[in-house]
């Protein structure tokens, strides 16, 4: 947990120089992030279902005449691997997002920490998925657009950082004012 706190402080330093949202906007985001996360869980769930459909389609092509005629098995195997890796990251992100809803609603620091963990997991997933593209152009485009998304989501994540109070574990967690 100390490592996560040190990492949080380091990343917080990156966003410190960025202009801040007005206090009313930060307060609104802090108060309403829990239902925004519910929408995100729903959207990630749709992506998981799409990934499962793609995975089922690729697996069903194995061993068929159409599969050997239209798609080489190596390409189909690689698609299965990349979709499986993407699904792994999506499922873990969905679970962490779901677990963060109640603590965010109660304005607990635990909810924000879970969002930070999802943000870090997204960064790792971005790099892994970019490496799995196996093409230099796809690699660069994936990293570029992913980095933009991480920067924007990280900015908003650290803008609401102060909306979640944290007291030492022995004293418990309290609500932010």
N, C-alpha and C. Protein backbone atom coordinates (compact mmCIF):
# COMPACT_ATOMS: atom_id res chain seq x y z
N UNK A 1 0.82 -1.19 0.00
CA UNK A 1 0.00 0.00 0.00
C UNK A 1 0.87 1.26 0.00
N UNK A 2 2.04 1.18 0.65
CA UNK A 2 2.95 2.33 0.63
C UNK A 2 3.40 2.65 -0.79
N UNK A 3 3.62 1.60 -1.58
CA UNK A 3 4.04 1.81 -2.96
C UNK A 3 2.96 2.56 -3.74
N UNK A 4 1.70 2.18 -3.52
CA UNK A 4 0.59 2.84 -4.20
C UNK A 4 0.49 4.31 -3.77
N UNK A 5 0.72 4.58 -2.49
CA UNK A 5 0.67 5.96 -1.99
C UNK A 5 1.80 6.79 -2.60
N UNK A 6 3.00 6.20 -2.70
CA UNK A 6 4.13 6.92 -3.32
C UNK A 6 3.85 7.19 -4.79
N UNK A 7 3.27 6.20 -5.45
CA UNK A 7 2.92 6.36 -6.86
C UNK A 7 1.85 7.43 -7.03
N UNK A 8 0.89 7.45 -6.12
CA UNK A 8 -0.16 8.47 -6.14
C UNK A 8 0.45 9.87 -6.00
N UNK A 9 1.38 10.02 -5.07
CA UNK A 9 2.03 11.32 -4.87
C UNK A 9 2.83 11.73 -6.10
N UNK A 10 3.50 10.79 -6.73
CA UNK A 10 4.29 11.10 -7.92
C UNK A 10 3.39 11.55 -9.07
N UNK A 11 2.32 10.81 -9.32
CA UNK A 11 1.40 11.17 -10.39
C UNK A 11 0.69 12.48 -10.06
N UNK A 12 0.37 12.70 -8.80
CA UNK A 12 -0.25 13.95 -8.37
C UNK A 12 0.65 15.14 -8.73
N UNK A 13 1.97 14.94 -8.60
CA UNK A 13 2.92 15.98 -8.98
C UNK A 13 2.88 16.31 -10.47
N UNK A 14 2.61 15.31 -11.29
CA UNK A 14 2.52 15.54 -12.73
C UNK A 14 1.35 16.46 -13.08
N UNK A 15 0.25 16.28 -12.37
CA UNK A 15 -0.96 17.04 -12.67
C UNK A 15 -1.06 18.34 -11.88
N UNK A 16 -0.12 18.57 -10.98
CA UNK A 16 -0.17 19.76 -10.12
C UNK A 16 -0.07 21.05 -10.94
N UNK A 17 0.72 21.06 -11.99
CA UNK A 17 0.93 22.27 -12.78
C UNK A 17 -0.24 22.57 -13.71
N UNK A 18 -1.12 21.61 -13.92
CA UNK A 18 -2.27 21.82 -14.81
C UNK A 18 -3.25 22.80 -14.17
N UNK A 19 -3.94 23.59 -14.99
CA UNK A 19 -4.93 24.51 -14.41
C UNK A 19 -6.07 23.72 -13.77
N UNK A 20 -6.56 24.23 -12.65
CA UNK A 20 -7.61 23.53 -11.92
C UNK A 20 -8.99 23.93 -12.41
N UNK A 21 -9.91 23.00 -12.27
CA UNK A 21 -11.31 23.29 -12.53
C UNK A 21 -11.81 24.22 -11.42
N UNK A 22 -12.88 24.97 -11.67
CA UNK A 22 -13.46 25.77 -10.58
C UNK A 22 -13.89 24.86 -9.43
N UNK A 23 -13.91 25.40 -8.23
CA UNK A 23 -14.26 24.61 -7.04
C UNK A 23 -15.64 23.98 -7.16
N UNK A 24 -16.59 24.70 -7.77
CA UNK A 24 -17.94 24.15 -7.92
C UNK A 24 -17.93 22.91 -8.83
N UNK A 25 -17.12 22.96 -9.88
CA UNK A 25 -17.03 21.82 -10.80
C UNK A 25 -16.39 20.62 -10.11
N UNK A 26 -15.34 20.87 -9.34
CA UNK A 26 -14.70 19.76 -8.61
C UNK A 26 -15.66 19.16 -7.59
N UNK A 27 -16.40 20.02 -6.90
CA UNK A 27 -17.35 19.53 -5.92
C UNK A 27 -18.45 18.72 -6.61
N UNK A 28 -18.96 19.23 -7.75
CA UNK A 28 -20.00 18.51 -8.48
C UNK A 28 -19.48 17.14 -8.93
N UNK A 29 -18.26 17.10 -9.49
CA UNK A 29 -17.69 15.82 -9.92
C UNK A 29 -17.52 14.88 -8.75
N UNK A 30 -17.02 15.40 -7.63
CA UNK A 30 -16.83 14.56 -6.44
C UNK A 30 -18.14 14.00 -5.91
N UNK A 31 -19.20 14.82 -5.96
CA UNK A 31 -20.50 14.37 -5.46
C UNK A 31 -21.18 13.40 -6.41
N UNK A 32 -20.91 13.50 -7.71
CA UNK A 32 -21.64 12.72 -8.71
C UNK A 32 -20.81 11.64 -9.40
N UNK A 33 -19.58 11.46 -9.01
CA UNK A 33 -18.72 10.49 -9.69
C UNK A 33 -19.26 9.07 -9.55
N UNK A 34 -19.97 8.79 -8.47
CA UNK A 34 -20.46 7.43 -8.25
C UNK A 34 -21.44 7.01 -9.34
N UNK A 35 -22.34 7.88 -9.79
CA UNK A 35 -23.28 7.47 -10.83
C UNK A 35 -22.62 7.52 -12.21
N UNK A 36 -21.59 8.36 -12.37
CA UNK A 36 -20.83 8.35 -13.61
C UNK A 36 -20.12 7.00 -13.75
N UNK A 37 -19.63 6.49 -12.63
CA UNK A 37 -18.97 5.18 -12.62
C UNK A 37 -19.97 4.07 -12.93
N UNK A 38 -21.21 4.20 -12.48
CA UNK A 38 -22.24 3.21 -12.82
C UNK A 38 -22.42 3.15 -14.34
N UNK A 39 -22.46 4.32 -14.98
CA UNK A 39 -22.56 4.37 -16.45
C UNK A 39 -21.33 3.72 -17.08
N UNK A 40 -20.15 4.00 -16.52
CA UNK A 40 -18.91 3.41 -17.05
C UNK A 40 -18.92 1.89 -16.92
N UNK A 41 -19.40 1.39 -15.78
CA UNK A 41 -19.48 -0.07 -15.59
C UNK A 41 -20.39 -0.67 -16.65
N UNK A 42 -21.50 -0.01 -16.93
CA UNK A 42 -22.42 -0.48 -17.96
C UNK A 42 -21.73 -0.50 -19.33
N UNK A 43 -21.00 0.56 -19.67
CA UNK A 43 -20.30 0.63 -20.96
C UNK A 43 -19.17 -0.39 -21.06
N UNK A 44 -18.45 -0.59 -19.97
CA UNK A 44 -17.39 -1.61 -19.96
C UNK A 44 -18.02 -2.99 -20.10
N UNK A 45 -19.18 -3.19 -19.49
CA UNK A 45 -19.90 -4.46 -19.65
C UNK A 45 -20.27 -4.73 -21.09
N UNK A 46 -20.71 -3.68 -21.80
CA UNK A 46 -21.01 -3.83 -23.23
C UNK A 46 -19.75 -4.20 -24.00
N UNK A 47 -18.63 -3.58 -23.67
CA UNK A 47 -17.36 -3.92 -24.33
C UNK A 47 -16.96 -5.36 -24.04
N UNK A 48 -17.20 -5.80 -22.83
CA UNK A 48 -16.88 -7.20 -22.48
C UNK A 48 -17.73 -8.14 -23.32
N UNK A 49 -19.01 -7.84 -23.45
CA UNK A 49 -19.89 -8.69 -24.28
C UNK A 49 -19.44 -8.69 -25.73
N UNK A 50 -19.03 -7.54 -26.25
CA UNK A 50 -18.53 -7.47 -27.63
C UNK A 50 -17.25 -8.30 -27.77
N UNK A 51 -16.38 -8.22 -26.77
CA UNK A 51 -15.15 -9.01 -26.80
C UNK A 51 -15.44 -10.50 -26.74
N UNK A 52 -16.41 -10.89 -25.91
CA UNK A 52 -16.78 -12.30 -25.85
C UNK A 52 -17.37 -12.78 -27.17
N UNK A 53 -18.15 -11.93 -27.83
CA UNK A 53 -18.71 -12.29 -29.13
C UNK A 53 -17.60 -12.46 -30.17
N UNK A 54 -16.64 -11.57 -30.15
CA UNK A 54 -15.50 -11.69 -31.07
C UNK A 54 -14.71 -12.95 -30.78
N UNK A 55 -14.48 -13.22 -29.51
CA UNK A 55 -13.75 -14.42 -29.12
C UNK A 55 -14.50 -15.68 -29.57
N UNK A 56 -15.81 -15.70 -29.37
CA UNK A 56 -16.61 -16.86 -29.79
C UNK A 56 -16.56 -17.03 -31.31
N UNK A 57 -16.59 -15.93 -32.03
CA UNK A 57 -16.53 -16.00 -33.48
C UNK A 57 -15.20 -16.57 -33.94
N UNK A 58 -14.11 -16.13 -33.34
CA UNK A 58 -12.79 -16.62 -33.75
C UNK A 58 -12.59 -18.08 -33.37
N UNK A 59 -13.07 -18.46 -32.21
CA UNK A 59 -12.93 -19.86 -31.79
C UNK A 59 -13.78 -20.76 -32.69
N UNK A 60 -14.95 -20.27 -33.08
CA UNK A 60 -15.82 -21.11 -33.93
C UNK A 60 -15.24 -21.31 -35.33
N UNK A 61 -14.33 -20.45 -35.77
CA UNK A 61 -13.70 -20.62 -37.08
C UNK A 61 -12.65 -21.74 -37.10
N UNK A 62 -12.14 -22.09 -35.92
CA UNK A 62 -11.13 -23.15 -35.87
C UNK A 62 -11.71 -24.48 -36.30
N UNK A 63 -11.01 -25.13 -37.18
CA UNK A 63 -11.39 -26.46 -37.60
C UNK A 63 -12.48 -26.52 -38.65
N UNK A 64 -12.93 -25.38 -39.11
CA UNK A 64 -13.95 -25.39 -40.15
C UNK A 64 -13.30 -25.17 -41.51
N UNK A 65 -13.99 -25.56 -42.55
CA UNK A 65 -13.49 -25.35 -43.90
C UNK A 65 -13.41 -23.85 -44.18
N UNK A 66 -14.42 -23.12 -43.76
CA UNK A 66 -14.43 -21.66 -43.97
C UNK A 66 -13.27 -21.02 -43.22
N UNK A 67 -12.97 -21.50 -42.03
CA UNK A 67 -11.87 -20.94 -41.26
C UNK A 67 -10.54 -21.17 -41.93
N UNK A 68 -10.35 -22.32 -42.50
CA UNK A 68 -9.07 -22.58 -43.17
C UNK A 68 -9.01 -21.90 -44.54
N UNK A 69 -10.15 -21.63 -45.12
CA UNK A 69 -10.17 -21.00 -46.43
C UNK A 69 -10.02 -19.48 -46.33
N UNK A 70 -10.75 -18.85 -45.41
CA UNK A 70 -10.76 -17.39 -45.33
C UNK A 70 -9.67 -16.81 -44.43
N UNK A 71 -9.37 -17.49 -43.39
CA UNK A 71 -8.44 -16.93 -42.40
C UNK A 71 -7.37 -17.96 -42.09
N UNK A 72 -6.14 -17.51 -42.07
CA UNK A 72 -5.10 -18.45 -41.66
C UNK A 72 -5.25 -18.69 -40.16
N UNK A 73 -4.93 -19.87 -39.73
CA UNK A 73 -5.11 -20.20 -38.32
C UNK A 73 -4.20 -19.38 -37.42
N UNK A 74 -3.05 -18.95 -37.94
CA UNK A 74 -2.15 -18.12 -37.15
C UNK A 74 -2.80 -16.78 -36.84
N UNK A 75 -3.43 -16.17 -37.84
CA UNK A 75 -4.11 -14.90 -37.63
C UNK A 75 -5.25 -15.08 -36.65
N UNK A 76 -6.01 -16.13 -36.81
CA UNK A 76 -7.13 -16.40 -35.91
C UNK A 76 -6.63 -16.63 -34.49
N UNK A 77 -5.55 -17.36 -34.33
CA UNK A 77 -4.98 -17.59 -33.00
C UNK A 77 -4.51 -16.28 -32.37
N UNK A 78 -3.91 -15.42 -33.18
CA UNK A 78 -3.42 -14.14 -32.64
C UNK A 78 -4.58 -13.26 -32.21
N UNK A 79 -5.66 -13.28 -32.97
CA UNK A 79 -6.85 -12.51 -32.59
C UNK A 79 -7.41 -13.04 -31.27
N UNK A 80 -7.43 -14.35 -31.11
CA UNK A 80 -7.91 -14.96 -29.87
C UNK A 80 -7.05 -14.50 -28.70
N UNK A 81 -5.75 -14.47 -28.89
CA UNK A 81 -4.84 -14.04 -27.82
C UNK A 81 -5.07 -12.58 -27.47
N UNK A 82 -5.12 -11.71 -28.47
CA UNK A 82 -5.27 -10.28 -28.19
C UNK A 82 -6.62 -9.96 -27.56
N UNK A 83 -7.67 -10.60 -28.04
CA UNK A 83 -9.00 -10.37 -27.46
C UNK A 83 -9.04 -10.90 -26.03
N UNK A 84 -8.42 -12.04 -25.78
CA UNK A 84 -8.40 -12.60 -24.42
C UNK A 84 -7.67 -11.67 -23.46
N UNK A 85 -6.54 -11.13 -23.89
CA UNK A 85 -5.80 -10.20 -23.03
C UNK A 85 -6.62 -8.95 -22.77
N UNK A 86 -7.26 -8.42 -23.81
CA UNK A 86 -8.10 -7.23 -23.63
C UNK A 86 -9.25 -7.52 -22.68
N UNK A 87 -9.87 -8.69 -22.83
CA UNK A 87 -10.96 -9.08 -21.94
C UNK A 87 -10.50 -9.20 -20.49
N UNK A 88 -9.31 -9.73 -20.29
CA UNK A 88 -8.75 -9.85 -18.94
C UNK A 88 -8.68 -8.48 -18.28
N UNK A 89 -8.12 -7.49 -18.98
CA UNK A 89 -8.02 -6.14 -18.43
C UNK A 89 -9.40 -5.52 -18.22
N UNK A 90 -10.30 -5.70 -19.19
CA UNK A 90 -11.64 -5.13 -19.07
C UNK A 90 -12.41 -5.70 -17.88
N UNK A 91 -12.31 -6.99 -17.66
CA UNK A 91 -13.03 -7.63 -16.56
C UNK A 91 -12.51 -7.13 -15.22
N UNK A 92 -11.20 -7.03 -15.07
CA UNK A 92 -10.64 -6.53 -13.81
C UNK A 92 -11.04 -5.07 -13.61
N UNK A 93 -10.99 -4.27 -14.67
CA UNK A 93 -11.41 -2.86 -14.55
C UNK A 93 -12.88 -2.77 -14.16
N UNK A 94 -13.73 -3.59 -14.75
CA UNK A 94 -15.15 -3.57 -14.42
C UNK A 94 -15.39 -3.93 -12.96
N UNK A 95 -14.67 -4.92 -12.47
CA UNK A 95 -14.81 -5.33 -11.07
C UNK A 95 -14.37 -4.21 -10.14
N UNK A 96 -13.22 -3.60 -10.42
CA UNK A 96 -12.73 -2.51 -9.57
C UNK A 96 -13.66 -1.29 -9.64
N UNK A 97 -14.16 -0.98 -10.83
CA UNK A 97 -15.11 0.13 -10.94
C UNK A 97 -16.38 -0.15 -10.15
N UNK A 98 -16.88 -1.38 -10.25
CA UNK A 98 -18.08 -1.75 -9.51
C UNK A 98 -17.85 -1.64 -8.00
N UNK A 99 -16.69 -2.11 -7.55
CA UNK A 99 -16.38 -2.05 -6.12
C UNK A 99 -16.20 -0.62 -5.62
N UNK A 100 -15.90 0.31 -6.51
CA UNK A 100 -15.67 1.69 -6.09
C UNK A 100 -16.95 2.50 -5.93
N UNK A 101 -18.08 2.01 -6.42
CA UNK A 101 -19.31 2.79 -6.43
C UNK A 101 -19.75 3.20 -5.02
N UNK A 102 -19.90 2.25 -4.13
CA UNK A 102 -20.39 2.56 -2.78
C UNK A 102 -19.42 3.46 -2.01
N UNK A 103 -18.11 3.18 -2.01
CA UNK A 103 -17.20 4.11 -1.31
C UNK A 103 -17.21 5.51 -1.92
N UNK A 104 -17.38 5.61 -3.23
CA UNK A 104 -17.45 6.94 -3.86
C UNK A 104 -18.72 7.66 -3.43
N UNK A 105 -19.80 6.93 -3.33
CA UNK A 105 -21.07 7.52 -2.91
C UNK A 105 -20.95 8.06 -1.49
N UNK A 106 -20.18 7.35 -0.65
CA UNK A 106 -19.98 7.77 0.73
C UNK A 106 -18.79 8.71 0.90
N UNK A 107 -18.18 9.10 -0.24
CA UNK A 107 -17.04 10.03 -0.26
C UNK A 107 -15.84 9.50 0.54
N UNK A 108 -15.63 8.20 0.48
CA UNK A 108 -14.49 7.57 1.15
C UNK A 108 -13.28 7.58 0.23
N UNK A 109 -12.12 7.71 0.83
CA UNK A 109 -10.87 7.69 0.08
C UNK A 109 -10.68 6.36 -0.66
N UNK A 110 -11.21 5.29 -0.09
CA UNK A 110 -11.10 3.96 -0.71
C UNK A 110 -11.66 3.96 -2.13
N UNK A 111 -12.77 4.66 -2.35
CA UNK A 111 -13.35 4.74 -3.68
C UNK A 111 -12.42 5.42 -4.66
N UNK A 112 -11.79 6.51 -4.22
CA UNK A 112 -10.86 7.22 -5.10
C UNK A 112 -9.64 6.34 -5.39
N UNK A 113 -9.16 5.63 -4.39
CA UNK A 113 -8.00 4.75 -4.58
C UNK A 113 -8.33 3.64 -5.57
N UNK A 114 -9.54 3.12 -5.53
CA UNK A 114 -9.94 2.11 -6.51
C UNK A 114 -9.97 2.70 -7.92
N UNK A 115 -10.43 3.95 -8.05
CA UNK A 115 -10.40 4.61 -9.37
C UNK A 115 -8.96 4.81 -9.83
N UNK A 116 -8.08 5.14 -8.92
CA UNK A 116 -6.66 5.30 -9.25
C UNK A 116 -6.08 3.97 -9.71
N UNK A 117 -6.47 2.87 -9.04
CA UNK A 117 -6.00 1.54 -9.45
C UNK A 117 -6.51 1.20 -10.84
N UNK A 118 -7.75 1.57 -11.16
CA UNK A 118 -8.29 1.34 -12.50
C UNK A 118 -7.50 2.15 -13.51
N UNK A 119 -7.15 3.39 -13.16
CA UNK A 119 -6.37 4.24 -14.05
C UNK A 119 -5.00 3.62 -14.33
N UNK A 120 -4.35 3.11 -13.29
CA UNK A 120 -3.05 2.46 -13.46
C UNK A 120 -3.19 1.19 -14.30
N UNK A 121 -4.23 0.43 -14.03
CA UNK A 121 -4.48 -0.80 -14.81
C UNK A 121 -4.73 -0.46 -16.27
N UNK A 122 -5.42 0.64 -16.52
CA UNK A 122 -5.66 1.07 -17.91
C UNK A 122 -4.34 1.40 -18.60
N UNK A 123 -3.43 2.02 -17.86
CA UNK A 123 -2.12 2.35 -18.44
C UNK A 123 -1.35 1.08 -18.80
N UNK A 124 -1.37 0.11 -17.91
CA UNK A 124 -0.68 -1.16 -18.18
C UNK A 124 -1.35 -1.87 -19.36
N UNK A 125 -2.69 -1.91 -19.35
CA UNK A 125 -3.42 -2.55 -20.44
C UNK A 125 -3.17 -1.88 -21.77
N UNK A 126 -3.04 -0.56 -21.75
CA UNK A 126 -2.74 0.18 -22.98
C UNK A 126 -1.41 -0.25 -23.57
N UNK A 127 -0.39 -0.33 -22.74
CA UNK A 127 0.94 -0.71 -23.23
C UNK A 127 0.93 -2.16 -23.73
N UNK A 128 0.31 -3.05 -22.97
CA UNK A 128 0.26 -4.45 -23.38
C UNK A 128 -0.49 -4.60 -24.70
N UNK A 129 -1.64 -3.96 -24.82
CA UNK A 129 -2.41 -4.05 -26.06
C UNK A 129 -1.68 -3.41 -27.22
N UNK A 130 -0.95 -2.34 -26.97
CA UNK A 130 -0.17 -1.71 -28.04
C UNK A 130 0.94 -2.65 -28.51
N UNK A 131 1.57 -3.34 -27.58
CA UNK A 131 2.62 -4.30 -27.95
C UNK A 131 2.04 -5.47 -28.75
N UNK A 132 0.82 -5.85 -28.46
CA UNK A 132 0.19 -6.98 -29.15
C UNK A 132 -0.27 -6.65 -30.56
N UNK A 133 -0.25 -5.36 -30.94
CA UNK A 133 -0.67 -5.01 -32.29
C UNK A 133 0.32 -5.49 -33.33
N UNK A 134 1.58 -5.62 -32.96
CA UNK A 134 2.65 -6.14 -33.82
C UNK A 134 2.91 -5.30 -35.07
N UNK A 135 2.43 -4.11 -35.10
CA UNK A 135 2.70 -3.21 -36.22
C UNK A 135 3.15 -1.87 -35.68
N UNK A 136 4.15 -1.28 -36.28
CA UNK A 136 4.70 -0.04 -35.75
C UNK A 136 3.68 1.08 -35.83
N UNK A 137 2.93 1.16 -36.93
CA UNK A 137 1.92 2.21 -37.06
C UNK A 137 0.81 2.02 -36.03
N UNK A 138 0.31 0.80 -35.90
CA UNK A 138 -0.73 0.51 -34.91
C UNK A 138 -0.23 0.74 -33.50
N UNK A 139 1.02 0.39 -33.25
CA UNK A 139 1.62 0.59 -31.93
C UNK A 139 1.63 2.08 -31.58
N UNK A 140 2.10 2.91 -32.52
CA UNK A 140 2.20 4.35 -32.27
C UNK A 140 0.82 4.97 -32.10
N UNK A 141 -0.11 4.61 -32.97
CA UNK A 141 -1.47 5.18 -32.89
C UNK A 141 -2.14 4.76 -31.58
N UNK A 142 -2.02 3.49 -31.22
CA UNK A 142 -2.61 3.01 -29.98
C UNK A 142 -2.03 3.74 -28.77
N UNK A 143 -0.72 3.87 -28.73
CA UNK A 143 -0.09 4.58 -27.61
C UNK A 143 -0.46 6.06 -27.59
N UNK A 144 -0.50 6.67 -28.75
CA UNK A 144 -0.80 8.10 -28.82
C UNK A 144 -2.22 8.40 -28.33
N UNK A 145 -3.20 7.72 -28.89
CA UNK A 145 -4.58 7.96 -28.46
C UNK A 145 -4.81 7.49 -27.03
N UNK A 146 -4.18 6.41 -26.64
CA UNK A 146 -4.29 5.94 -25.26
C UNK A 146 -3.68 6.91 -24.28
N UNK A 147 -2.55 7.51 -24.65
CA UNK A 147 -1.90 8.49 -23.77
C UNK A 147 -2.78 9.73 -23.61
N UNK A 148 -3.43 10.15 -24.68
CA UNK A 148 -4.34 11.30 -24.59
C UNK A 148 -5.49 10.97 -23.64
N UNK A 149 -6.07 9.79 -23.80
CA UNK A 149 -7.17 9.38 -22.92
C UNK A 149 -6.69 9.28 -21.47
N UNK A 150 -5.52 8.71 -21.24
CA UNK A 150 -5.00 8.61 -19.87
C UNK A 150 -4.74 9.99 -19.27
N UNK A 151 -4.24 10.92 -20.06
CA UNK A 151 -3.99 12.27 -19.56
C UNK A 151 -5.29 12.96 -19.17
N UNK A 152 -6.31 12.84 -20.01
CA UNK A 152 -7.59 13.49 -19.72
C UNK A 152 -8.25 12.85 -18.50
N UNK A 153 -8.30 11.52 -18.48
CA UNK A 153 -8.94 10.85 -17.33
C UNK A 153 -8.14 11.05 -16.05
N UNK A 154 -6.81 11.08 -16.15
CA UNK A 154 -5.98 11.34 -14.97
C UNK A 154 -6.18 12.75 -14.45
N UNK A 155 -6.34 13.71 -15.36
CA UNK A 155 -6.59 15.10 -14.95
C UNK A 155 -7.87 15.17 -14.10
N UNK A 156 -8.95 14.59 -14.61
CA UNK A 156 -10.21 14.64 -13.86
C UNK A 156 -10.12 13.83 -12.57
N UNK A 157 -9.41 12.73 -12.60
CA UNK A 157 -9.25 11.91 -11.40
C UNK A 157 -8.54 12.70 -10.30
N UNK A 158 -7.50 13.42 -10.67
CA UNK A 158 -6.77 14.17 -9.66
C UNK A 158 -7.43 15.51 -9.32
N UNK A 159 -8.34 15.96 -10.15
CA UNK A 159 -9.13 17.15 -9.81
C UNK A 159 -10.10 16.84 -8.67
N UNK A 160 -10.59 15.62 -8.59
CA UNK A 160 -11.53 15.27 -7.52
C UNK A 160 -10.81 14.67 -6.30
N UNK A 161 -9.50 14.60 -6.37
CA UNK A 161 -8.71 14.00 -5.29
C UNK A 161 -9.05 14.59 -3.93
N UNK A 162 -9.17 15.90 -3.84
CA UNK A 162 -9.44 16.56 -2.57
C UNK A 162 -10.85 16.40 -2.06
N UNK A 163 -11.73 15.82 -2.85
CA UNK A 163 -13.13 15.64 -2.44
C UNK A 163 -13.33 14.42 -1.55
N UNK A 164 -12.29 13.63 -1.37
CA UNK A 164 -12.42 12.38 -0.62
C UNK A 164 -11.49 12.43 0.59
N UNK A 165 -12.08 12.41 1.78
CA UNK A 165 -11.32 12.51 3.03
C UNK A 165 -10.75 11.15 3.40
N UNK A 166 -9.62 11.21 4.08
CA UNK A 166 -9.00 9.97 4.54
C UNK A 166 -8.39 10.21 5.90
N UNK A 167 -8.72 9.33 6.82
CA UNK A 167 -8.17 9.36 8.17
C UNK A 167 -7.44 8.05 8.36
N UNK A 168 -6.47 8.02 9.25
CA UNK A 168 -5.72 6.79 9.51
C UNK A 168 -6.67 5.63 9.78
N UNK A 169 -6.24 4.42 9.44
CA UNK A 169 -7.09 3.24 9.56
C UNK A 169 -7.62 3.05 10.97
N UNK A 170 -6.82 3.36 11.98
CA UNK A 170 -7.26 3.14 13.35
C UNK A 170 -8.44 4.03 13.71
N UNK A 171 -8.59 5.16 13.04
CA UNK A 171 -9.67 6.08 13.34
C UNK A 171 -10.84 5.90 12.39
N UNK A 172 -10.66 5.16 11.31
CA UNK A 172 -11.74 4.94 10.36
C UNK A 172 -11.76 5.99 9.27
N UNK A 173 -12.72 5.85 8.40
CA UNK A 173 -12.87 6.77 7.28
C UNK A 173 -14.04 7.70 7.57
N UNK A 174 -13.87 8.96 7.25
CA UNK A 174 -14.95 9.91 7.48
C UNK A 174 -15.36 10.54 6.17
N UNK A 175 -16.50 11.21 6.20
CA UNK A 175 -16.99 11.88 4.99
C UNK A 175 -16.29 13.21 4.81
N UNK A 176 -16.12 13.57 3.53
CA UNK A 176 -15.50 14.84 3.20
C UNK A 176 -16.51 15.97 3.42
N UNK A 177 -16.01 17.14 3.70
CA UNK A 177 -16.91 18.29 3.89
C UNK A 177 -17.06 19.04 2.60
